[in-house]
Amino acid sequence: MPKTKPPKPDPAVLVAVADYFKVLSEASRLQILTCLRSGPMNVMEIAEATGLGQANLSKHLKVLTQAGILSRQPKGTSAYYEIADPMIFELCELACDRISERVLRQAETLKALRGKTTVF
């Protein structure tokens, strides 16, 4: 039975996926997501938890909100941010697990190579 080719992905969809991953490619944004895993927080709470400056933090929160990863709920004089789609944690855990495995394998390989070399 001949193999069927997978459907050709829509270029617009690929651009959207690439943009989504660009949003997640910033360590500060991943730090923000980690903070919000425990529940909604306002800007001051996130700033305290992450150590990020308020201007920098606001920029990242805007990007995460525009990407649909966070939602923003005004409450009184401040706004609370929360995870809009908890699936983001599954995605991050999958990536972290794979990267951790690769780093451990590389470390084992390096250790084995060091054991085989002689130092002059």
C-alpha atoms as a PDB file:
ATOM      1  CA  MET A   1       0.000   0.000   0.000  1.00  0.00           C
ATOM      2  CA  PRO A   2       1.582   3.328  -1.030  1.00  0.00           C
ATOM      3  CA  LYS A   3       2.297   5.919   1.620  1.00  0.00           C
ATOM      4  CA  THR A   4       0.098   8.965   1.473  1.00  0.00           C
ATOM      5  CA  LYS A   5       1.675  12.346   1.863  1.00  0.00           C
ATOM      6  CA  PRO A   6       0.541  14.391   4.847  1.00  0.00           C
ATOM      7  CA  PRO A   7      -1.537  17.414   3.898  1.00  0.00           C
ATOM      8  CA  LYS A   8       0.499  20.488   3.040  1.00  0.00           C
ATOM      9  CA  PRO A   9       0.289  22.917   5.976  1.00  0.00           C
ATOM     10  CA  ASP A  10      -1.264  26.296   5.373  1.00  0.00           C
ATOM     11  CA  PRO A  11       1.554  28.911   5.355  1.00  0.00           C
ATOM     12  CA  ALA A  12      -0.619  31.294   7.398  1.00  0.00           C
ATOM     13  CA  VAL A  13      -0.993  28.640  10.091  1.00  0.00           C
ATOM     14  CA  LEU A  14       2.761  28.041  10.133  1.00  0.00           C
ATOM     15  CA  VAL A  15       3.362  31.780  10.599  1.00  0.00           C
ATOM     16  CA  ALA A  16       0.877  31.844  13.486  1.00  0.00           C
ATOM     17  CA  VAL A  17       2.589  28.855  15.137  1.00  0.00           C
ATOM     18  CA  ALA A  18       6.018  30.460  14.698  1.00  0.00           C
ATOM     19  CA  ASP A  19       4.710  33.693  16.246  1.00  0.00           C
ATOM     20  CA  TYR A  20       3.306  31.737  19.206  1.00  0.00           C
ATOM     21  CA  PHE A  21       6.686  30.128  19.824  1.00  0.00           C
ATOM     22  CA  LYS A  22       8.396  33.523  19.522  1.00  0.00           C
ATOM     23  CA  VAL A  23       6.241  34.714  22.414  1.00  0.00           C
ATOM     24  CA  LEU A  24       7.446  31.748  24.472  1.00  0.00           C
ATOM     25  CA  SER A  25      11.094  32.225  23.473  1.00  0.00           C
ATOM     26  CA  GLU A  26      11.696  34.888  26.129  1.00  0.00           C
ATOM     27  CA  ALA A  27      12.873  33.605  29.538  1.00  0.00           C
ATOM     28  CA  SER A  28      11.146  36.458  31.396  1.00  0.00           C
ATOM     29  CA  ARG A  29       7.803  35.458  29.872  1.00  0.00           C
ATOM     30  CA  LEU A  30       8.305  31.853  30.939  1.00  0.00           C
ATOM     31  CA  GLN A  31       9.112  33.133  34.418  1.00  0.00           C
ATOM     32  CA  ILE A  32       5.823  35.074  34.433  1.00  0.00           C
ATOM     33  CA  LEU A  33       3.895  31.983  33.333  1.00  0.00           C
ATOM     34  CA  THR A  34       5.495  29.966  36.133  1.00  0.00           C
ATOM     35  CA  CYS A  35       4.370  32.583  38.680  1.00  0.00           C
ATOM     36  CA  LEU A  36       0.820  32.526  37.376  1.00  0.00           C
ATOM     37  CA  ARG A  37       0.601  28.758  37.594  1.00  0.00           C
ATOM     38  CA  SER A  38      -0.568  29.114  41.194  1.00  0.00           C
ATOM     39  CA  GLY A  39      -3.365  31.515  40.237  1.00  0.00           C
ATOM     40  CA  PRO A  40      -4.152  35.096  39.185  1.00  0.00           C
ATOM     41  CA  MET A  41      -1.798  37.864  40.277  1.00  0.00           C
ATOM     42  CA  ASN A  42      -1.627  41.612  39.822  1.00  0.00           C
ATOM     43  CA  VAL A  43       1.357  43.445  38.346  1.00  0.00           C
ATOM     44  CA  MET A  44       2.877  44.271  41.743  1.00  0.00           C
ATOM     45  CA  GLU A  45       2.658  40.620  42.872  1.00  0.00           C
ATOM     46  CA  ILE A  46       4.213  39.397  39.620  1.00  0.00           C
ATOM     47  CA  ALA A  47       6.968  42.025  39.864  1.00  0.00           C
ATOM     48  CA  GLU A  48       7.761  40.935  43.410  1.00  0.00           C
ATOM     49  CA  ALA A  49       7.767  37.244  42.481  1.00  0.00           C
ATOM     50  CA  THR A  50       9.910  37.653  39.358  1.00  0.00           C
ATOM     51  CA  GLY A  51      12.148  40.588  40.236  1.00  0.00           C
ATOM     52  CA  LEU A  52      11.303  42.191  36.881  1.00  0.00           C
ATOM     53  CA  GLY A  53      10.973  45.960  36.668  1.00  0.00           C
ATOM     54  CA  GLN A  54       7.443  47.257  36.193  1.00  0.00           C
ATOM     55  CA  ALA A  55       8.025  48.718  32.702  1.00  0.00           C
ATOM     56  CA  ASN A  56       9.682  45.522  31.460  1.00  0.00           C
ATOM     57  CA  LEU A  57       7.020  43.385  33.117  1.00  0.00           C
ATOM     58  CA  SER A  58       4.185  45.410  31.578  1.00  0.00           C
ATOM     59  CA  LYS A  59       5.710  44.937  28.131  1.00  0.00           C
ATOM     60  CA  HIS A  60       5.860  41.148  28.594  1.00  0.00           C
ATOM     61  CA  LEU A  61       2.336  40.980  30.040  1.00  0.00           C
ATOM     62  CA  LYS A  62       1.025  42.859  27.011  1.00  0.00           C
ATOM     63  CA  VAL A  63       2.718  40.430  24.607  1.00  0.00           C
ATOM     64  CA  LEU A  64       1.423  37.383  26.514  1.00  0.00           C
ATOM     65  CA  THR A  65      -2.090  38.841  26.635  1.00  0.00           C
ATOM     66  CA  GLN A  66      -2.123  39.734  22.930  1.00  0.00           C
ATOM     67  CA  ALA A  67      -1.009  36.192  22.125  1.00  0.00           C
ATOM     68  CA  GLY A  68      -3.994  34.821  24.054  1.00  0.00           C
ATOM     69  CA  ILE A  69      -1.802  33.078  26.609  1.00  0.00           C
ATOM     70  CA  LEU A  70      -2.905  35.352  29.463  1.00  0.00           C
ATOM     71  CA  SER A  71      -6.165  37.079  30.239  1.00  0.00           C
ATOM     72  CA  ARG A  72      -6.426  40.381  32.075  1.00  0.00           C
ATOM     73  CA  GLN A  73      -9.227  41.071  34.551  1.00  0.00           C
ATOM     74  CA  PRO A  74      -9.576  44.584  36.020  1.00  0.00           C
ATOM     75  CA  LYS A  75     -10.384  44.500  39.746  1.00  0.00           C
ATOM     76  CA  GLY A  76     -10.643  47.764  41.603  1.00  0.00           C
ATOM     77  CA  THR A  77      -7.566  49.883  41.021  1.00  0.00           C
ATOM     78  CA  SER A  78      -5.449  47.077  39.567  1.00  0.00           C
ATOM     79  CA  ALA A  79      -5.661  44.318  36.976  1.00  0.00           C
ATOM     80  CA  TYR A  80      -5.148  40.641  37.595  1.00  0.00           C
ATOM     81  CA  TYR A  81      -3.490  38.403  35.048  1.00  0.00           C
ATOM     82  CA  GLU A  82      -4.178  34.709  34.737  1.00  0.00           C
ATOM     83  CA  ILE A  83      -3.449  31.865  32.385  1.00  0.00           C
ATOM     84  CA  ALA A  84      -6.034  31.842  29.597  1.00  0.00           C
ATOM     85  CA  ASP A  85      -5.216  28.324  28.403  1.00  0.00           C
ATOM     86  CA  PRO A  86      -3.706  25.883  30.935  1.00  0.00           C
ATOM     87  CA  MET A  87      -2.501  23.729  28.009  1.00  0.00           C
ATOM     88  CA  ILE A  88       0.503  26.063  27.929  1.00  0.00           C
ATOM     89  CA  PHE A  89       1.906  24.164  30.927  1.00  0.00           C
ATOM     90  CA  GLU A  90       1.690  20.826  29.116  1.00  0.00           C
ATOM     91  CA  LEU A  91       3.561  22.348  26.189  1.00  0.00           C
ATOM     92  CA  CYS A  92       6.248  23.826  28.469  1.00  0.00           C
ATOM     93  CA  GLU A  93       6.626  20.583  30.442  1.00  0.00           C
ATOM     94  CA  LEU A  94       7.029  18.576  27.248  1.00  0.00           C
ATOM     95  CA  ALA A  95       9.712  20.969  25.997  1.00  0.00           C
ATOM     96  CA  CYS A  96      11.467  21.089  29.393  1.00  0.00           C
ATOM     97  CA  ASP A  97      11.481  17.296  29.703  1.00  0.00           C
ATOM     98  CA  ARG A  98      12.970  16.870  26.220  1.00  0.00           C
ATOM     99  CA  ILE A  99      15.579  19.550  26.765  1.00  0.00           C
ATOM    100  CA  SER A 100      16.526  18.110  30.183  1.00  0.00           C
ATOM    101  CA  GLU A 101      16.959  14.655  28.664  1.00  0.00           C
ATOM    102  CA  ARG A 102      19.164  16.057  25.899  1.00  0.00           C
ATOM    103  CA  VAL A 103      21.317  18.052  28.337  1.00  0.00           C
ATOM    104  CA  LEU A 104      21.778  14.994  30.566  1.00  0.00           C
ATOM    105  CA  ARG A 105      22.785  12.844  27.578  1.00  0.00           C
ATOM    106  CA  GLN A 106      25.262  15.511  26.459  1.00  0.00           C
ATOM    107  CA  ALA A 107      26.711  15.720  29.977  1.00  0.00           C
ATOM    108  CA  GLU A 108      27.124  11.922  30.101  1.00  0.00           C
ATOM    109  CA  THR A 109      28.815  11.929  26.698  1.00  0.00           C
ATOM    110  CA  LEU A 110      31.154  14.730  27.766  1.00  0.00           C
ATOM    111  CA  LYS A 111      31.984  12.923  31.014  1.00  0.00           C
ATOM    112  CA  ALA A 112      32.749   9.738  29.086  1.00  0.00           C
ATOM    113  CA  LEU A 113      34.964  11.644  26.657  1.00  0.00           C
ATOM    114  CA  ARG A 114      36.857  13.316  29.491  1.00  0.00           C
ATOM    115  CA  GLY A 115      37.497   9.918  31.019  1.00  0.00           C
ATOM    116  CA  LYS A 116      39.088   8.696  27.759  1.00  0.00           C
ATOM    117  CA  THR A 117      41.383  11.648  27.181  1.00  0.00           C
ATOM    118  CA  THR A 118      44.719  12.103  28.792  1.00  0.00           C
ATOM    119  CA  VAL A 119      45.855  15.389  30.208  1.00  0.00           C
ATOM    120  CA  PHE A 120      49.451  16.455  29.501  1.00  0.00           C
END
